[in-house]
Amino acid sequence: MPKREHGAGMNNIELHITDEVCRMSLTGKLDVFEASSLLRAARQAIDANRPLVIHIEGLDRLDTSIFQILLALQQDAHRQGQPLQVIGACPAVQRVGHLLGGDRYLFHHSP
């Protein structure tokens, strides 16, 4: 089957959907002002009914609203039986996750 790829660039959020997987890249600083863009892109990815991998290597900082959205997306994906991984968290982002008590549920490290 041919590989289809769709790109949706929104602020610091890039989404690529293929036949096998959805990959989302988050870069720069994300805060409450980008929350609706993140939700739209993530819902599109979850609705595509494919595993979702969110790469955050390029994310310098996020606020608690973005972290809460990521946790909610993971729960939504789990309810729908779809895997969701967030990989590549820098130390600053890991600290936010640790302070909020959700880092062990959300962050996975790339091999």
C-alpha atoms as a PDB file:
ATOM      1  CA  MET A   1       0.000   0.000   0.000  1.00  0.00           C
ATOM      2  CA  PRO A   2       1.439   3.422  -0.849  1.00  0.00           C
ATOM      3  CA  LYS A   3       2.589   5.578   2.003  1.00  0.00           C
ATOM      4  CA  ARG A   4       0.409   8.650   2.419  1.00  0.00           C
ATOM      5  CA  GLU A   5       1.708  11.556   4.401  1.00  0.00           C
ATOM      6  CA  HIS A   6      -0.220  14.595   5.560  1.00  0.00           C
ATOM      7  CA  GLY A   7       1.448  17.523   7.244  1.00  0.00           C
ATOM      8  CA  ALA A   8      -0.275  20.052   9.451  1.00  0.00           C
ATOM      9  CA  GLY A   9       2.066  22.780  10.660  1.00  0.00           C
ATOM     10  CA  MET A  10       0.557  24.839  13.478  1.00  0.00           C
ATOM     11  CA  ASN A  11       2.747  27.208  15.478  1.00  0.00           C
ATOM     12  CA  ASN A  12       5.356  24.920  17.048  1.00  0.00           C
ATOM     13  CA  ILE A  13       3.377  21.760  16.257  1.00  0.00           C
ATOM     14  CA  GLU A  14       3.933  19.525  13.241  1.00  0.00           C
ATOM     15  CA  LEU A  15       1.822  16.455  12.494  1.00  0.00           C
ATOM     16  CA  HIS A  16       2.646  13.758   9.936  1.00  0.00           C
ATOM     17  CA  ILE A  17       0.187  10.923   9.384  1.00  0.00           C
ATOM     18  CA  THR A  18       1.244   7.835   7.433  1.00  0.00           C
ATOM     19  CA  ASP A  19      -0.479   4.503   6.906  1.00  0.00           C
ATOM     20  CA  GLU A  20       1.387   3.071   9.899  1.00  0.00           C
ATOM     21  CA  VAL A  21       1.785   5.821  12.498  1.00  0.00           C
ATOM     22  CA  CYS A  22       1.112   9.435  13.417  1.00  0.00           C
ATOM     23  CA  ARG A  23       4.168  11.462  14.393  1.00  0.00           C
ATOM     24  CA  MET A  24       3.850  14.812  16.065  1.00  0.00           C
ATOM     25  CA  SER A  25       6.810  17.089  16.725  1.00  0.00           C
ATOM     26  CA  LEU A  26       6.607  19.842  19.337  1.00  0.00           C
ATOM     27  CA  THR A  27       9.294  22.529  19.308  1.00  0.00           C
ATOM     28  CA  GLY A  28      10.184  25.753  21.073  1.00  0.00           C
ATOM     29  CA  LYS A  29       7.985  26.938  23.903  1.00  0.00           C
ATOM     30  CA  LEU A  30       4.384  25.787  24.257  1.00  0.00           C
ATOM     31  CA  ASP A  31       1.944  27.419  26.623  1.00  0.00           C
ATOM     32  CA  VAL A  32      -1.758  27.977  27.051  1.00  0.00           C
ATOM     33  CA  PHE A  33      -1.867  30.057  23.861  1.00  0.00           C
ATOM     34  CA  GLU A  34      -0.925  27.013  21.753  1.00  0.00           C
ATOM     35  CA  ALA A  35      -3.207  24.613  23.648  1.00  0.00           C
ATOM     36  CA  SER A  36      -6.041  24.674  21.098  1.00  0.00           C
ATOM     37  CA  SER A  37      -3.619  24.018  18.205  1.00  0.00           C
ATOM     38  CA  LEU A  38      -2.128  21.091  20.097  1.00  0.00           C
ATOM     39  CA  LEU A  39      -5.569  19.679  20.837  1.00  0.00           C
ATOM     40  CA  ARG A  40      -6.671  19.964  17.190  1.00  0.00           C
ATOM     41  CA  ALA A  41      -3.551  18.233  15.896  1.00  0.00           C
ATOM     42  CA  ALA A  42      -3.664  15.502  18.524  1.00  0.00           C
ATOM     43  CA  ARG A  43      -7.373  14.804  17.999  1.00  0.00           C
ATOM     44  CA  GLN A  44      -6.699  14.522  14.266  1.00  0.00           C
ATOM     45  CA  ALA A  45      -3.935  12.021  15.031  1.00  0.00           C
ATOM     46  CA  ILE A  46      -6.060   9.973  17.442  1.00  0.00           C
ATOM     47  CA  ASP A  47      -8.994   9.997  15.009  1.00  0.00           C
ATOM     48  CA  ALA A  48      -6.658   8.575  12.337  1.00  0.00           C
ATOM     49  CA  ASN A  49      -6.737   5.369  14.421  1.00  0.00           C
ATOM     50  CA  ARG A  50      -2.967   4.827  14.360  1.00  0.00           C
ATOM     51  CA  PRO A  51      -0.317   4.762  17.072  1.00  0.00           C
ATOM     52  CA  LEU A  52       0.743   8.282  18.033  1.00  0.00           C
ATOM     53  CA  VAL A  53       4.344   9.196  18.803  1.00  0.00           C
ATOM     54  CA  ILE A  54       4.915  12.721  20.103  1.00  0.00           C
ATOM     55  CA  HIS A  55       8.521  13.889  19.748  1.00  0.00           C
ATOM     56  CA  ILE A  56       9.435  16.650  22.151  1.00  0.00           C
ATOM     57  CA  GLU A  57      13.226  16.755  21.688  1.00  0.00           C
ATOM     58  CA  GLY A  58      12.898  20.294  20.323  1.00  0.00           C
ATOM     59  CA  LEU A  59      10.642  21.510  23.113  1.00  0.00           C
ATOM     60  CA  ASP A  60      12.422  24.014  25.332  1.00  0.00           C
ATOM     61  CA  ARG A  61       9.590  24.646  27.738  1.00  0.00           C
ATOM     62  CA  LEU A  62       5.957  23.879  28.337  1.00  0.00           C
ATOM     63  CA  ASP A  63       3.522  25.106  30.916  1.00  0.00           C
ATOM     64  CA  THR A  64       1.183  23.037  33.020  1.00  0.00           C
ATOM     65  CA  SER A  65      -1.741  23.397  30.602  1.00  0.00           C
ATOM     66  CA  ILE A  66       0.239  21.637  27.844  1.00  0.00           C
ATOM     67  CA  PHE A  67       1.382  18.913  30.228  1.00  0.00           C
ATOM     68  CA  GLN A  68      -2.222  18.328  31.315  1.00  0.00           C
ATOM     69  CA  ILE A  69      -3.299  18.115  27.665  1.00  0.00           C
ATOM     70  CA  LEU A  70      -0.607  15.512  26.994  1.00  0.00           C
ATOM     71  CA  LEU A  71      -1.803  13.452  29.966  1.00  0.00           C
ATOM     72  CA  ALA A  72      -5.438  13.719  28.818  1.00  0.00           C
ATOM     73  CA  LEU A  73      -4.455  12.696  25.274  1.00  0.00           C
ATOM     74  CA  GLN A  74      -2.653   9.658  26.625  1.00  0.00           C
ATOM     75  CA  GLN A  75      -5.793   8.661  28.550  1.00  0.00           C
ATOM     76  CA  ASP A  76      -7.976   9.184  25.445  1.00  0.00           C
ATOM     77  CA  ALA A  77      -5.658   7.100  23.290  1.00  0.00           C
ATOM     78  CA  HIS A  78      -5.563   4.363  25.941  1.00  0.00           C
ATOM     79  CA  ARG A  79      -9.380   4.269  26.115  1.00  0.00           C
ATOM     80  CA  GLN A  80      -9.471   3.823  22.341  1.00  0.00           C
ATOM     81  CA  GLY A  81      -6.842   1.084  22.507  1.00  0.00           C
ATOM     82  CA  GLN A  82      -4.237   3.146  20.666  1.00  0.00           C
ATOM     83  CA  PRO A  83      -0.652   3.460  21.838  1.00  0.00           C
ATOM     84  CA  LEU A  84       0.672   6.941  22.544  1.00  0.00           C
ATOM     85  CA  GLN A  85       4.283   7.693  23.385  1.00  0.00           C
ATOM     86  CA  VAL A  86       5.922  10.976  24.318  1.00  0.00           C
ATOM     87  CA  ILE A  87       9.663  10.732  23.733  1.00  0.00           C
ATOM     88  CA  GLY A  88      12.692  12.987  24.018  1.00  0.00           C
ATOM     89  CA  ALA A  89      11.849  15.166  27.030  1.00  0.00           C
ATOM     90  CA  CYS A  90      14.654  17.571  27.935  1.00  0.00           C
ATOM     91  CA  PRO A  91      15.547  18.003  31.632  1.00  0.00           C
ATOM     92  CA  ALA A  92      13.420  21.169  32.013  1.00  0.00           C
ATOM     93  CA  VAL A  93      10.343  19.422  30.619  1.00  0.00           C
ATOM     94  CA  GLN A  94      11.041  16.349  32.765  1.00  0.00           C
ATOM     95  CA  ARG A  95      11.133  18.608  35.846  1.00  0.00           C
ATOM     96  CA  VAL A  96       7.670  20.002  35.036  1.00  0.00           C
ATOM     97  CA  GLY A  97       6.389  16.448  34.650  1.00  0.00           C
ATOM     98  CA  HIS A  98       7.991  15.381  37.904  1.00  0.00           C
ATOM     99  CA  LEU A  99       6.604  18.365  39.808  1.00  0.00           C
ATOM    100  CA  LEU A 100       3.116  17.584  38.494  1.00  0.00           C
ATOM    101  CA  GLY A 101       3.485  13.891  39.310  1.00  0.00           C
ATOM    102  CA  GLY A 102       2.801  12.569  35.817  1.00  0.00           C
ATOM    103  CA  ASP A 103       6.236  12.039  34.342  1.00  0.00           C
ATOM    104  CA  ARG A 104       6.292   8.285  34.945  1.00  0.00           C
ATOM    105  CA  TYR A 105       3.024   7.919  33.016  1.00  0.00           C
ATOM    106  CA  LEU A 106       3.875  10.143  30.109  1.00  0.00           C
ATOM    107  CA  PHE A 107       7.543  10.259  29.174  1.00  0.00           C
ATOM    108  CA  HIS A 108       9.346   7.469  27.356  1.00  0.00           C
ATOM    109  CA  HIS A 109      12.965   7.642  26.412  1.00  0.00           C
ATOM    110  CA  SER A 110      14.140   6.904  22.889  1.00  0.00           C
ATOM    111  CA  PRO A 111      16.323   3.810  22.623  1.00  0.00           C
END
